[in-house]
Every structure is written in structure tokens, then in C-alpha cells.
């Protein structure tokens, strides 16, 4: 699909998927930084590098939190943009066969 034929809902869903991918990688980065931090904490302090790594971990954590917040906003927007006729048929009133 080209940009001109992409609906607002499709666009939101595409961005949402990209943000979820970023969130996944962000989480992995935080976990790796924390793992290394725990292994080399003493050495980093001795080399006066601990504060720099702590700052990186904090910024990475802030990015992860911001991604989470934006994902929630876009998920709500996707629900708003979803046409009512695309709702599951189970919620539609059943016609009686009398």
C-alpha cells in the first residue's frame, strides 16, 4: 500500500507496531545494561565510570517508559478509529427466525 492509500487506522497500526518493536529492543537494552552493571559495578566505580553508566541506564529506562505511554495512547486511538461495522459479529443483535 502506498502512503496515499493508507487509512488513518492502518497508519496508526503501523506506527504502533514499530513502537512495540522499539519497546522490545529498549527492554532488552535495559536488561543488558543492568546485567553488565551488576557484573562490573566495582570496576566501573574504580575507573570513575559508574556515574556515566548510571546516566545511560536512567535515560534508557526513561525511553522505555515513554514508549509504553505512547503505545497506550495509540492503542486507544486505534480503537477509536476502528469502524463500528468491523466489530465482532457476536456483539451484533441476532435476528429471530420466526
C-alpha atoms as a PDB file:
ATOM      1  CA  UNK A   1       0.000   0.000   0.000  1.00  0.00           C
ATOM      2  CA  UNK A   2       1.250   3.455  -0.804  1.00  0.00           C
ATOM      3  CA  UNK A   3       1.139   6.326   1.653  1.00  0.00           C
ATOM      4  CA  UNK A   4      -1.743   7.903  -0.268  1.00  0.00           C
ATOM      5  CA  UNK A   5      -3.973   4.837   0.093  1.00  0.00           C
ATOM      6  CA  UNK A   6      -3.165   4.110   3.735  1.00  0.00           C
ATOM      7  CA  UNK A   7      -6.081   4.794   6.028  1.00  0.00           C
ATOM      8  CA  UNK A   8      -5.548   6.625   9.319  1.00  0.00           C
ATOM      9  CA  UNK A   9      -6.210   3.353  11.173  1.00  0.00           C
ATOM     10  CA  UNK A  10      -3.598   1.497   9.106  1.00  0.00           C
ATOM     11  CA  UNK A  11      -1.121   4.290   9.680  1.00  0.00           C
ATOM     12  CA  UNK A  12      -1.713   4.214  13.448  1.00  0.00           C
ATOM     13  CA  UNK A  13      -1.378   0.430  13.477  1.00  0.00           C
ATOM     14  CA  UNK A  14       1.897   0.612  11.510  1.00  0.00           C
ATOM     15  CA  UNK A  15       3.358   3.175  13.912  1.00  0.00           C
ATOM     16  CA  UNK A  16       2.071   1.173  16.846  1.00  0.00           C
ATOM     17  CA  UNK A  17       3.856  -1.950  15.607  1.00  0.00           C
ATOM     18  CA  UNK A  18       7.104  -0.011  15.162  1.00  0.00           C
ATOM     19  CA  UNK A  19       6.829   1.392  18.691  1.00  0.00           C
ATOM     20  CA  UNK A  20       6.213  -2.087  20.072  1.00  0.00           C
ATOM     21  CA  UNK A  21       9.355  -3.287  18.299  1.00  0.00           C
ATOM     22  CA  UNK A  22      11.281  -0.358  19.780  1.00  0.00           C
ATOM     23  CA  UNK A  23       9.861  -1.185  23.217  1.00  0.00           C
ATOM     24  CA  UNK A  24      11.077  -4.767  22.865  1.00  0.00           C
ATOM     25  CA  UNK A  25      14.594  -3.630  21.960  1.00  0.00           C
ATOM     26  CA  UNK A  26      14.553  -0.978  24.676  1.00  0.00           C
ATOM     27  CA  UNK A  27      13.656  -3.583  27.280  1.00  0.00           C
ATOM     28  CA  UNK A  28      16.467  -5.825  26.073  1.00  0.00           C
ATOM     29  CA  UNK A  29      18.918  -2.917  26.239  1.00  0.00           C
ATOM     30  CA  UNK A  30      17.911  -2.088  29.819  1.00  0.00           C
ATOM     31  CA  UNK A  31      18.311  -5.726  30.794  1.00  0.00           C
ATOM     32  CA  UNK A  32      21.760  -5.948  29.177  1.00  0.00           C
ATOM     33  CA  UNK A  33      22.933  -2.706  30.766  1.00  0.00           C
ATOM     34  CA  UNK A  34      21.700  -3.863  34.157  1.00  0.00           C
ATOM     35  CA  UNK A  35      23.405  -7.223  33.750  1.00  0.00           C
ATOM     36  CA  UNK A  36      26.723  -5.590  32.878  1.00  0.00           C
ATOM     37  CA  UNK A  37      26.272  -3.046  35.628  1.00  0.00           C
ATOM     38  CA  UNK A  38      25.889  -5.777  38.219  1.00  0.00           C
ATOM     39  CA  UNK A  39      28.940  -7.640  36.903  1.00  0.00           C
ATOM     40  CA  UNK A  40      31.263  -4.654  36.690  1.00  0.00           C
ATOM     41  CA  UNK A  41      29.914  -2.260  39.316  1.00  0.00           C
ATOM     42  CA  UNK A  42      33.052  -2.279  41.447  1.00  0.00           C
ATOM     43  CA  UNK A  43      35.404  -1.969  38.481  1.00  0.00           C
ATOM     44  CA  UNK A  44      33.381   0.873  36.958  1.00  0.00           C
ATOM     45  CA  UNK A  45      33.450   2.785  40.215  1.00  0.00           C
ATOM     46  CA  UNK A  46      37.211   2.335  40.455  1.00  0.00           C
ATOM     47  CA  UNK A  47      37.556   3.669  36.901  1.00  0.00           C
ATOM     48  CA  UNK A  48      35.171   6.551  37.699  1.00  0.00           C
ATOM     49  CA  UNK A  49      32.763   5.363  35.000  1.00  0.00           C
ATOM     50  CA  UNK A  50      29.870   4.302  37.226  1.00  0.00           C
ATOM     51  CA  UNK A  51      28.002   7.614  37.014  1.00  0.00           C
ATOM     52  CA  UNK A  52      28.163   7.632  33.218  1.00  0.00           C
ATOM     53  CA  UNK A  53      26.693   4.144  33.017  1.00  0.00           C
ATOM     54  CA  UNK A  54      24.025   5.022  35.587  1.00  0.00           C
ATOM     55  CA  UNK A  55      23.044   8.014  33.444  1.00  0.00           C
ATOM     56  CA  UNK A  56      22.746   5.780  30.368  1.00  0.00           C
ATOM     57  CA  UNK A  57      20.606   3.303  32.273  1.00  0.00           C
ATOM     58  CA  UNK A  58      18.354   6.092  33.500  1.00  0.00           C
ATOM     59  CA  UNK A  59      17.889   7.545  30.015  1.00  0.00           C
ATOM     60  CA  UNK A  60      17.232   4.111  28.538  1.00  0.00           C
ATOM     61  CA  UNK A  61      14.644   3.445  31.244  1.00  0.00           C
ATOM     62  CA  UNK A  62      13.006   6.828  30.538  1.00  0.00           C
ATOM     63  CA  UNK A  63      12.816   5.946  26.838  1.00  0.00           C
ATOM     64  CA  UNK A  64      11.209   2.617  27.697  1.00  0.00           C
ATOM     65  CA  UNK A  65       8.615   4.364  29.891  1.00  0.00           C
ATOM     66  CA  UNK A  66       7.878   6.939  27.188  1.00  0.00           C
ATOM     67  CA  UNK A  67       7.408   4.163  24.623  1.00  0.00           C
ATOM     68  CA  UNK A  68       4.968   2.400  26.961  1.00  0.00           C
ATOM     69  CA  UNK A  69       2.955   5.594  27.413  1.00  0.00           C
ATOM     70  CA  UNK A  70       2.809   6.340  23.680  1.00  0.00           C
ATOM     71  CA  UNK A  71       1.809   2.756  22.880  1.00  0.00           C
ATOM     72  CA  UNK A  72      -1.143   3.082  25.266  1.00  0.00           C
ATOM     73  CA  UNK A  73      -2.205   6.347  23.597  1.00  0.00           C
ATOM     74  CA  UNK A  74      -2.001   4.870  20.095  1.00  0.00           C
ATOM     75  CA  UNK A  75      -3.821   1.691  21.119  1.00  0.00           C
ATOM     76  CA  UNK A  76      -6.699   3.847  22.372  1.00  0.00           C
ATOM     77  CA  UNK A  77      -6.629   5.858  19.144  1.00  0.00           C
ATOM     78  CA  UNK A  78      -6.713   2.653  17.084  1.00  0.00           C
ATOM     79  CA  UNK A  79      -9.857   1.591  18.950  1.00  0.00           C
ATOM     80  CA  UNK A  80     -11.445   4.981  18.199  1.00  0.00           C
ATOM     81  CA  UNK A  81     -10.516   4.747  14.510  1.00  0.00           C
ATOM     82  CA  UNK A  82     -11.820   1.207  14.097  1.00  0.00           C
ATOM     83  CA  UNK A  83     -15.084   1.382  12.145  1.00  0.00           C
ATOM     84  CA  UNK A  84     -18.081   0.203  14.139  1.00  0.00           C
ATOM     85  CA  UNK A  85     -19.025  -2.280  11.385  1.00  0.00           C
ATOM     86  CA  UNK A  86     -15.709  -4.123  11.975  1.00  0.00           C
ATOM     87  CA  UNK A  87     -16.714  -5.099  15.497  1.00  0.00           C
ATOM     88  CA  UNK A  88     -17.141  -8.831  16.084  1.00  0.00           C
ATOM     89  CA  UNK A  89     -20.436 -10.232  14.842  1.00  0.00           C
ATOM     90  CA  UNK A  90     -21.088 -11.830  18.222  1.00  0.00           C
ATOM     91  CA  UNK A  91     -21.958  -8.388  19.615  1.00  0.00           C
ATOM     92  CA  UNK A  92     -24.488  -7.700  16.855  1.00  0.00           C
ATOM     93  CA  UNK A  93     -28.139  -8.420  17.755  1.00  0.00           C
ATOM     94  CA  UNK A  94     -29.302 -11.780  16.478  1.00  0.00           C
ATOM     95  CA  UNK A  95     -32.301 -11.780  14.158  1.00  0.00           C
ATOM     96  CA  UNK A  96     -35.028 -14.142  15.204  1.00  0.00           C
ATOM     97  CA  UNK A  97     -36.198 -16.757  12.729  1.00  0.00           C
ATOM     98  CA  UNK A  98     -39.912 -16.563  13.473  1.00  0.00           C
END
